[in-house]
């Protein structure tokens, strides 16, 4: 039985996106662990400041969620460089 998606073709952008979907070996340089640590420490410090300075509520919760996204995407960028 043919899979339904075999009838469609991928654009070059889609092919590039799929190629980068975890298929690359991590490019570990000497400073990569330190950069992860600095990003994680900095976002943790900012999260602590937000928790201390902002009233509890939806806005604080959203701010912390977005900060987690920042950390995730920044670390992802480091792991996929090269």
C-alpha atoms as a PDB file:
ATOM      1  CA  UNK A   1       0.000   0.000   0.000  1.00  0.00           C
ATOM      2  CA  UNK A   2       1.402   3.358  -1.052  1.00  0.00           C
ATOM      3  CA  UNK A   3       1.697   6.010   1.639  1.00  0.00           C
ATOM      4  CA  UNK A   4      -0.434   9.031   0.890  1.00  0.00           C
ATOM      5  CA  UNK A   5       2.416  11.536   1.115  1.00  0.00           C
ATOM      6  CA  UNK A   6       4.490   9.870  -1.610  1.00  0.00           C
ATOM      7  CA  UNK A   7       2.245  11.576  -4.175  1.00  0.00           C
ATOM      8  CA  UNK A   8       3.494  15.012  -3.151  1.00  0.00           C
ATOM      9  CA  UNK A   9       6.852  16.612  -3.774  1.00  0.00           C
ATOM     10  CA  UNK A  10       8.859  18.607  -1.272  1.00  0.00           C
ATOM     11  CA  UNK A  11      10.166  22.093  -1.941  1.00  0.00           C
ATOM     12  CA  UNK A  12      13.872  22.765  -1.493  1.00  0.00           C
ATOM     13  CA  UNK A  13      13.080  24.657   1.736  1.00  0.00           C
ATOM     14  CA  UNK A  14      11.148  21.661   3.055  1.00  0.00           C
ATOM     15  CA  UNK A  15      13.990  19.303   2.122  1.00  0.00           C
ATOM     16  CA  UNK A  16      16.460  21.519   3.992  1.00  0.00           C
ATOM     17  CA  UNK A  17      14.152  21.664   7.008  1.00  0.00           C
ATOM     18  CA  UNK A  18      13.804  17.884   7.087  1.00  0.00           C
ATOM     19  CA  UNK A  19      17.532  17.381   6.582  1.00  0.00           C
ATOM     20  CA  UNK A  20      18.208  19.458   9.693  1.00  0.00           C
ATOM     21  CA  UNK A  21      15.589  17.600  11.741  1.00  0.00           C
ATOM     22  CA  UNK A  22      17.990  15.999  14.173  1.00  0.00           C
ATOM     23  CA  UNK A  23      20.018  14.240  11.500  1.00  0.00           C
ATOM     24  CA  UNK A  24      23.167  16.256  12.096  1.00  0.00           C
ATOM     25  CA  UNK A  25      25.698  15.149  14.627  1.00  0.00           C
ATOM     26  CA  UNK A  26      26.211  17.823  17.257  1.00  0.00           C
ATOM     27  CA  UNK A  27      29.071  20.169  16.552  1.00  0.00           C
ATOM     28  CA  UNK A  28      30.736  20.305  19.945  1.00  0.00           C
ATOM     29  CA  UNK A  29      33.369  22.971  20.276  1.00  0.00           C
ATOM     30  CA  UNK A  30      35.429  23.808  23.317  1.00  0.00           C
ATOM     31  CA  UNK A  31      33.095  26.599  24.443  1.00  0.00           C
ATOM     32  CA  UNK A  32      29.744  24.946  23.742  1.00  0.00           C
ATOM     33  CA  UNK A  33      29.156  23.630  27.301  1.00  0.00           C
ATOM     34  CA  UNK A  34      30.083  27.053  28.714  1.00  0.00           C
ATOM     35  CA  UNK A  35      27.651  28.796  26.364  1.00  0.00           C
ATOM     36  CA  UNK A  36      24.853  26.424  27.441  1.00  0.00           C
ATOM     37  CA  UNK A  37      25.679  27.137  31.070  1.00  0.00           C
ATOM     38  CA  UNK A  38      25.711  30.913  30.602  1.00  0.00           C
ATOM     39  CA  UNK A  39      22.375  30.892  28.776  1.00  0.00           C
ATOM     40  CA  UNK A  40      20.803  28.613  31.380  1.00  0.00           C
ATOM     41  CA  UNK A  41      22.196  30.647  34.284  1.00  0.00           C
ATOM     42  CA  UNK A  42      21.119  33.961  32.742  1.00  0.00           C
ATOM     43  CA  UNK A  43      17.583  32.808  32.014  1.00  0.00           C
ATOM     44  CA  UNK A  44      17.329  31.330  35.523  1.00  0.00           C
ATOM     45  CA  UNK A  45      18.423  34.674  37.009  1.00  0.00           C
ATOM     46  CA  UNK A  46      15.852  36.532  34.924  1.00  0.00           C
ATOM     47  CA  UNK A  47      13.156  34.025  35.916  1.00  0.00           C
ATOM     48  CA  UNK A  48      14.041  34.579  39.586  1.00  0.00           C
ATOM     49  CA  UNK A  49      13.805  38.354  39.123  1.00  0.00           C
ATOM     50  CA  UNK A  50      10.422  38.039  37.413  1.00  0.00           C
ATOM     51  CA  UNK A  51       9.096  35.806  40.206  1.00  0.00           C
ATOM     52  CA  UNK A  52      10.300  38.275  42.842  1.00  0.00           C
ATOM     53  CA  UNK A  53       9.144  41.486  41.132  1.00  0.00           C
ATOM     54  CA  UNK A  54       5.927  40.529  39.334  1.00  0.00           C
ATOM     55  CA  UNK A  55       2.595  39.692  40.908  1.00  0.00           C
ATOM     56  CA  UNK A  56       1.492  36.103  40.497  1.00  0.00           C
ATOM     57  CA  UNK A  57      -0.952  35.645  37.671  1.00  0.00           C
ATOM     58  CA  UNK A  58      -1.395  34.902  34.021  1.00  0.00           C
ATOM     59  CA  UNK A  59       1.131  37.498  32.825  1.00  0.00           C
ATOM     60  CA  UNK A  60       3.879  36.110  35.050  1.00  0.00           C
ATOM     61  CA  UNK A  61       3.078  32.586  33.958  1.00  0.00           C
ATOM     62  CA  UNK A  62       3.236  33.584  30.289  1.00  0.00           C
ATOM     63  CA  UNK A  63       6.485  35.475  30.877  1.00  0.00           C
ATOM     64  CA  UNK A  64       8.104  32.419  32.435  1.00  0.00           C
ATOM     65  CA  UNK A  65       6.836  30.189  29.630  1.00  0.00           C
ATOM     66  CA  UNK A  66       8.288  32.531  26.998  1.00  0.00           C
ATOM     67  CA  UNK A  67      11.566  32.671  28.909  1.00  0.00           C
ATOM     68  CA  UNK A  68      11.695  28.869  28.839  1.00  0.00           C
ATOM     69  CA  UNK A  69      11.191  29.104  25.071  1.00  0.00           C
ATOM     70  CA  UNK A  70      14.053  31.584  24.795  1.00  0.00           C
ATOM     71  CA  UNK A  71      16.346  29.187  26.646  1.00  0.00           C
ATOM     72  CA  UNK A  72      15.219  26.235  24.551  1.00  0.00           C
ATOM     73  CA  UNK A  73      15.690  28.008  21.192  1.00  0.00           C
ATOM     74  CA  UNK A  74      19.022  29.511  22.190  1.00  0.00           C
ATOM     75  CA  UNK A  75      20.384  26.131  23.272  1.00  0.00           C
ATOM     76  CA  UNK A  76      18.950  24.580  20.114  1.00  0.00           C
ATOM     77  CA  UNK A  77      20.751  27.172  18.006  1.00  0.00           C
ATOM     78  CA  UNK A  78      24.033  26.309  19.703  1.00  0.00           C
ATOM     79  CA  UNK A  79      23.543  22.569  19.217  1.00  0.00           C
ATOM     80  CA  UNK A  80      22.660  22.974  15.513  1.00  0.00           C
ATOM     81  CA  UNK A  81      25.382  25.377  14.507  1.00  0.00           C
ATOM     82  CA  UNK A  82      27.983  24.477  12.001  1.00  0.00           C
END
